[in-house]
N, C-alpha and C. Protein backbone atom coordinates (compact mmCIF):
# COMPACT_ATOMS: atom_id res chain seq x y z
N MET A 1 37.09 -100.40 -11.67
CA MET A 1 36.07 -99.55 -11.24
C MET A 1 35.36 -99.01 -12.41
N TYR A 2 34.04 -99.23 -12.41
CA TYR A 2 33.07 -98.86 -13.52
C TYR A 2 32.39 -97.64 -12.94
N ILE A 3 32.25 -96.69 -13.90
CA ILE A 3 31.73 -95.39 -13.41
C ILE A 3 30.49 -95.10 -14.33
N TYR A 4 29.25 -95.04 -13.66
CA TYR A 4 28.03 -94.74 -14.38
C TYR A 4 27.64 -93.39 -13.89
N PRO A 5 27.08 -92.56 -14.84
CA PRO A 5 26.61 -91.32 -14.48
C PRO A 5 25.28 -91.48 -13.71
N ASP A 6 24.59 -90.38 -13.39
CA ASP A 6 23.34 -90.45 -12.56
C ASP A 6 22.28 -91.43 -13.06
N HIS A 7 22.04 -91.32 -14.39
CA HIS A 7 21.05 -92.26 -15.04
C HIS A 7 21.75 -93.59 -15.43
N LEU A 8 21.10 -94.54 -15.24
CA LEU A 8 21.80 -95.91 -15.56
C LEU A 8 21.70 -96.30 -16.90
N ARG A 9 21.13 -95.55 -17.85
CA ARG A 9 21.08 -95.86 -19.26
C ARG A 9 22.25 -95.47 -20.04
N ALA A 10 23.10 -94.61 -19.40
CA ALA A 10 24.31 -94.14 -20.07
C ALA A 10 25.28 -95.44 -20.29
N LYS A 11 26.23 -95.21 -21.30
CA LYS A 11 27.13 -96.37 -21.48
C LYS A 11 28.20 -96.29 -20.37
N ALA A 12 28.68 -97.53 -20.03
CA ALA A 12 29.68 -97.76 -19.13
C ALA A 12 31.00 -97.21 -19.50
N THR A 13 31.70 -96.60 -18.66
CA THR A 13 33.11 -96.02 -18.88
C THR A 13 34.14 -96.69 -17.93
N LEU A 14 35.29 -96.85 -18.29
CA LEU A 14 36.47 -97.24 -17.54
C LEU A 14 37.50 -96.30 -17.81
N TRP A 15 37.96 -95.50 -16.72
CA TRP A 15 38.83 -94.38 -16.84
C TRP A 15 38.38 -93.39 -17.86
N LEU A 16 38.96 -93.27 -18.94
CA LEU A 16 38.55 -92.11 -19.87
C LEU A 16 37.83 -92.70 -21.26
N TRP A 17 37.61 -94.08 -21.20
CA TRP A 17 37.15 -94.68 -22.38
C TRP A 17 35.87 -95.42 -22.15
N GLN A 18 34.99 -95.69 -23.23
CA GLN A 18 33.89 -96.47 -23.04
C GLN A 18 34.41 -97.90 -23.10
N LEU A 19 33.65 -98.84 -22.48
CA LEU A 19 34.22 -100.25 -22.46
C LEU A 19 34.27 -100.79 -23.92
N ARG A 20 33.54 -100.46 -24.86
CA ARG A 20 33.72 -100.82 -26.20
C ARG A 20 35.00 -100.42 -26.74
N ASP A 21 35.34 -99.16 -26.46
CA ASP A 21 36.61 -98.76 -26.98
C ASP A 21 37.81 -99.47 -26.22
N ILE A 22 37.72 -99.60 -24.98
CA ILE A 22 38.73 -100.46 -24.27
C ILE A 22 38.91 -101.91 -24.94
N GLY A 23 37.85 -102.46 -25.33
CA GLY A 23 38.02 -103.84 -26.00
C GLY A 23 38.66 -103.66 -27.29
N ILE A 24 38.37 -102.74 -28.16
CA ILE A 24 38.87 -102.51 -29.40
C ILE A 24 40.39 -102.22 -29.26
N ILE A 25 40.74 -101.32 -28.26
CA ILE A 25 42.15 -100.85 -28.13
C ILE A 25 43.00 -102.11 -27.66
N GLY A 26 42.30 -102.93 -26.74
CA GLY A 26 43.01 -104.15 -26.16
C GLY A 26 43.42 -105.10 -27.26
N VAL A 27 42.35 -105.47 -28.12
CA VAL A 27 42.57 -106.43 -29.26
C VAL A 27 43.56 -105.82 -30.37
N ALA A 28 43.39 -104.46 -30.58
CA ALA A 28 44.32 -103.90 -31.59
C ALA A 28 45.72 -103.79 -30.96
N LEU A 29 45.88 -103.60 -29.74
CA LEU A 29 47.25 -103.62 -29.11
C LEU A 29 47.80 -104.93 -29.16
N LEU A 30 47.14 -105.93 -28.89
CA LEU A 30 47.56 -107.38 -28.89
C LEU A 30 48.12 -107.67 -30.42
N LEU A 31 47.26 -107.37 -31.40
CA LEU A 31 47.68 -107.61 -32.84
C LEU A 31 48.77 -106.72 -33.26
N SER A 32 48.79 -105.56 -32.68
CA SER A 32 49.81 -104.66 -33.05
C SER A 32 51.30 -105.04 -32.49
N VAL A 33 51.24 -105.63 -31.20
CA VAL A 33 52.44 -106.10 -30.69
C VAL A 33 52.92 -107.36 -31.36
N LEU A 34 51.90 -108.15 -31.78
CA LEU A 34 52.35 -109.33 -32.55
C LEU A 34 52.99 -108.98 -33.98
N ALA A 35 52.39 -107.89 -34.46
CA ALA A 35 52.94 -107.41 -35.74
C ALA A 35 54.24 -106.88 -35.69
N VAL A 36 54.64 -106.10 -34.63
CA VAL A 36 55.92 -105.52 -34.35
C VAL A 36 56.94 -106.66 -34.06
N SER A 37 56.51 -107.66 -33.34
CA SER A 37 57.46 -108.66 -32.83
C SER A 37 57.82 -109.68 -34.01
N GLN A 38 56.75 -109.95 -34.73
CA GLN A 38 56.99 -110.97 -35.72
C GLN A 38 57.47 -110.46 -37.12
N LEU A 39 56.78 -109.34 -37.49
CA LEU A 39 56.96 -108.75 -38.76
C LEU A 39 57.94 -107.51 -38.77
N GLY A 40 58.06 -106.93 -37.61
CA GLY A 40 58.78 -105.58 -37.59
C GLY A 40 58.07 -104.41 -38.20
N PHE A 41 56.67 -104.64 -38.26
CA PHE A 41 55.77 -103.57 -38.92
C PHE A 41 55.16 -102.81 -37.76
N VAL A 42 55.50 -101.43 -37.84
CA VAL A 42 55.31 -100.57 -36.62
C VAL A 42 53.82 -99.90 -36.89
N LEU A 43 53.34 -99.72 -38.09
CA LEU A 43 52.22 -99.06 -38.36
C LEU A 43 50.89 -99.42 -37.57
N PRO A 44 50.64 -100.63 -37.26
CA PRO A 44 49.47 -100.93 -36.58
C PRO A 44 49.50 -100.41 -35.05
N ILE A 45 50.67 -100.41 -34.49
CA ILE A 45 50.80 -99.84 -33.13
C ILE A 45 50.56 -98.41 -33.14
N VAL A 46 50.97 -97.70 -34.14
CA VAL A 46 50.81 -96.24 -34.33
C VAL A 46 49.32 -96.06 -34.56
N LEU A 47 48.66 -96.74 -35.31
CA LEU A 47 47.23 -96.61 -35.51
C LEU A 47 46.36 -96.85 -34.15
N THR A 48 46.87 -97.80 -33.48
CA THR A 48 46.23 -98.16 -32.20
C THR A 48 46.31 -97.03 -31.32
N ALA A 49 47.49 -96.52 -31.24
CA ALA A 49 47.81 -95.27 -30.37
C ALA A 49 46.95 -94.11 -30.73
N VAL A 50 46.75 -93.85 -32.02
CA VAL A 50 46.00 -92.71 -32.55
C VAL A 50 44.50 -92.98 -32.17
N TYR A 51 44.04 -94.13 -32.45
CA TYR A 51 42.69 -94.55 -32.05
C TYR A 51 42.45 -94.21 -30.50
N ALA A 52 43.36 -94.72 -29.70
CA ALA A 52 43.12 -94.58 -28.20
C ALA A 52 43.14 -93.11 -27.92
N PHE A 53 43.92 -92.32 -28.48
CA PHE A 53 43.90 -90.87 -28.22
C PHE A 53 42.61 -90.23 -28.68
N LEU A 54 42.11 -90.63 -29.89
CA LEU A 54 40.93 -89.97 -30.40
C LEU A 54 39.64 -90.41 -29.65
N THR A 55 39.68 -91.51 -29.00
CA THR A 55 38.51 -91.98 -28.32
C THR A 55 38.40 -91.58 -26.77
N ILE A 56 39.38 -90.83 -26.42
CA ILE A 56 39.37 -90.33 -24.97
C ILE A 56 38.06 -89.48 -24.76
N ARG A 57 37.30 -89.84 -23.73
CA ARG A 57 36.04 -89.09 -23.59
C ARG A 57 36.04 -88.07 -22.52
N PHE A 58 35.67 -86.87 -22.75
CA PHE A 58 35.49 -85.80 -21.80
C PHE A 58 34.02 -85.35 -21.91
N GLU A 59 33.31 -85.31 -20.78
CA GLU A 59 31.99 -84.87 -20.71
C GLU A 59 31.09 -85.49 -21.89
N ASP A 60 31.19 -86.79 -22.00
CA ASP A 60 30.33 -87.61 -22.88
C ASP A 60 30.57 -87.37 -24.33
N THR A 61 31.79 -86.79 -24.84
CA THR A 61 32.16 -86.70 -26.11
C THR A 61 33.55 -86.86 -26.36
N SER A 62 33.98 -87.38 -27.56
CA SER A 62 35.46 -87.64 -27.79
C SER A 62 35.86 -86.79 -29.01
N ILE A 63 37.08 -86.80 -29.30
CA ILE A 63 37.65 -86.08 -30.46
C ILE A 63 37.13 -86.80 -31.68
N LEU A 64 37.08 -88.19 -31.64
CA LEU A 64 36.55 -88.97 -32.89
C LEU A 64 35.13 -88.56 -33.06
N ASP A 65 34.31 -88.32 -32.07
CA ASP A 65 32.86 -87.94 -32.30
C ASP A 65 32.79 -86.60 -32.93
N PHE A 66 33.68 -85.55 -32.53
CA PHE A 66 33.69 -84.29 -33.11
C PHE A 66 34.14 -84.36 -34.58
N LEU A 67 35.14 -85.27 -34.81
CA LEU A 67 35.61 -85.30 -36.30
C LEU A 67 34.56 -85.98 -37.13
N ARG A 68 33.82 -86.78 -36.67
CA ARG A 68 32.72 -87.46 -37.42
C ARG A 68 31.61 -86.48 -37.71
N TYR A 69 31.25 -85.61 -36.72
CA TYR A 69 30.23 -84.61 -36.82
C TYR A 69 30.74 -83.59 -37.88
N ALA A 70 31.93 -83.31 -37.77
CA ALA A 70 32.41 -82.19 -38.63
C ALA A 70 32.50 -82.78 -40.14
N CYS A 71 32.91 -84.02 -40.38
CA CYS A 71 32.88 -84.60 -41.60
C CYS A 71 31.46 -84.78 -42.19
N ALA A 72 30.59 -85.13 -41.34
CA ALA A 72 29.21 -85.22 -41.79
C ALA A 72 28.61 -83.84 -42.20
N PHE A 73 29.00 -82.73 -41.48
CA PHE A 73 28.55 -81.52 -41.77
C PHE A 73 29.16 -80.89 -43.00
N PHE A 74 30.43 -81.13 -43.06
CA PHE A 74 31.04 -80.41 -44.31
C PHE A 74 31.14 -81.21 -45.46
N ILE A 75 31.21 -82.57 -45.43
CA ILE A 75 31.46 -83.45 -46.59
C ILE A 75 30.28 -84.38 -46.89
N THR A 76 29.85 -85.22 -45.95
CA THR A 76 28.93 -86.24 -46.43
C THR A 76 27.48 -85.90 -46.43
N LYS A 77 27.09 -85.11 -45.46
CA LYS A 77 25.53 -84.80 -45.53
C LYS A 77 25.37 -83.52 -46.28
N GLN A 78 24.33 -83.64 -47.19
CA GLN A 78 23.84 -82.53 -47.96
C GLN A 78 23.26 -81.35 -47.07
N GLN A 79 23.71 -80.17 -47.36
CA GLN A 79 23.17 -79.03 -46.69
C GLN A 79 22.23 -78.41 -47.55
N PHE A 80 21.09 -78.00 -47.06
CA PHE A 80 20.04 -77.46 -47.91
C PHE A 80 19.71 -76.03 -47.29
N TYR A 81 19.83 -75.12 -48.20
CA TYR A 81 19.55 -73.77 -47.81
C TYR A 81 18.50 -73.31 -48.81
N GLU A 82 17.56 -72.49 -48.28
CA GLU A 82 16.46 -72.06 -49.05
C GLU A 82 16.57 -70.47 -48.94
N TRP A 83 16.84 -69.76 -49.97
CA TRP A 83 16.97 -68.36 -49.94
C TRP A 83 15.72 -67.74 -50.59
N ARG A 84 15.12 -66.79 -49.98
CA ARG A 84 13.93 -66.00 -50.50
C ARG A 84 13.90 -64.74 -49.87
N TYR A 85 13.33 -63.81 -50.74
CA TYR A 85 13.16 -62.47 -50.22
C TYR A 85 11.79 -62.28 -49.67
N THR A 86 11.69 -61.91 -48.36
CA THR A 86 10.35 -61.66 -47.79
C THR A 86 10.44 -60.12 -47.25
N PRO A 87 9.64 -59.26 -47.90
CA PRO A 87 9.65 -57.96 -47.56
C PRO A 87 8.97 -57.73 -46.13
N ASN A 88 9.66 -56.69 -45.46
CA ASN A 88 9.05 -56.32 -44.11
C ASN A 88 7.67 -55.72 -44.27
N ALA A 89 6.94 -55.74 -43.33
CA ALA A 89 5.66 -55.19 -43.29
C ALA A 89 5.75 -53.68 -43.39
N GLN A 90 6.82 -53.09 -42.87
CA GLN A 90 6.99 -51.56 -42.74
C GLN A 90 7.41 -51.01 -44.18
N GLU A 91 7.92 -51.81 -45.11
CA GLU A 91 8.42 -51.39 -46.37
C GLU A 91 7.24 -51.34 -47.36
N ARG A 92 6.12 -51.88 -47.02
CA ARG A 92 5.03 -51.88 -47.93
C ARG A 92 4.29 -50.56 -48.05
């Protein structure tokens, strides 16, 4: 079942994920199961589960989006502040 919001330009979602995220999770899960069964390496399946949790969408935003916005605001994007004194008209 595909769920589209009122306007048809929105991205398609399936359950709580966008279809792009479902594809990424599916491929990553397949490779993770292969890594666990053949190599005994558990880290890929943990990373896949973390990615699946972070990409759950509620009201058109996900935890991963919020973390991206926070990193951009605090770390990667330059913040520009301009400080100047402007006297009020009553003080003159």
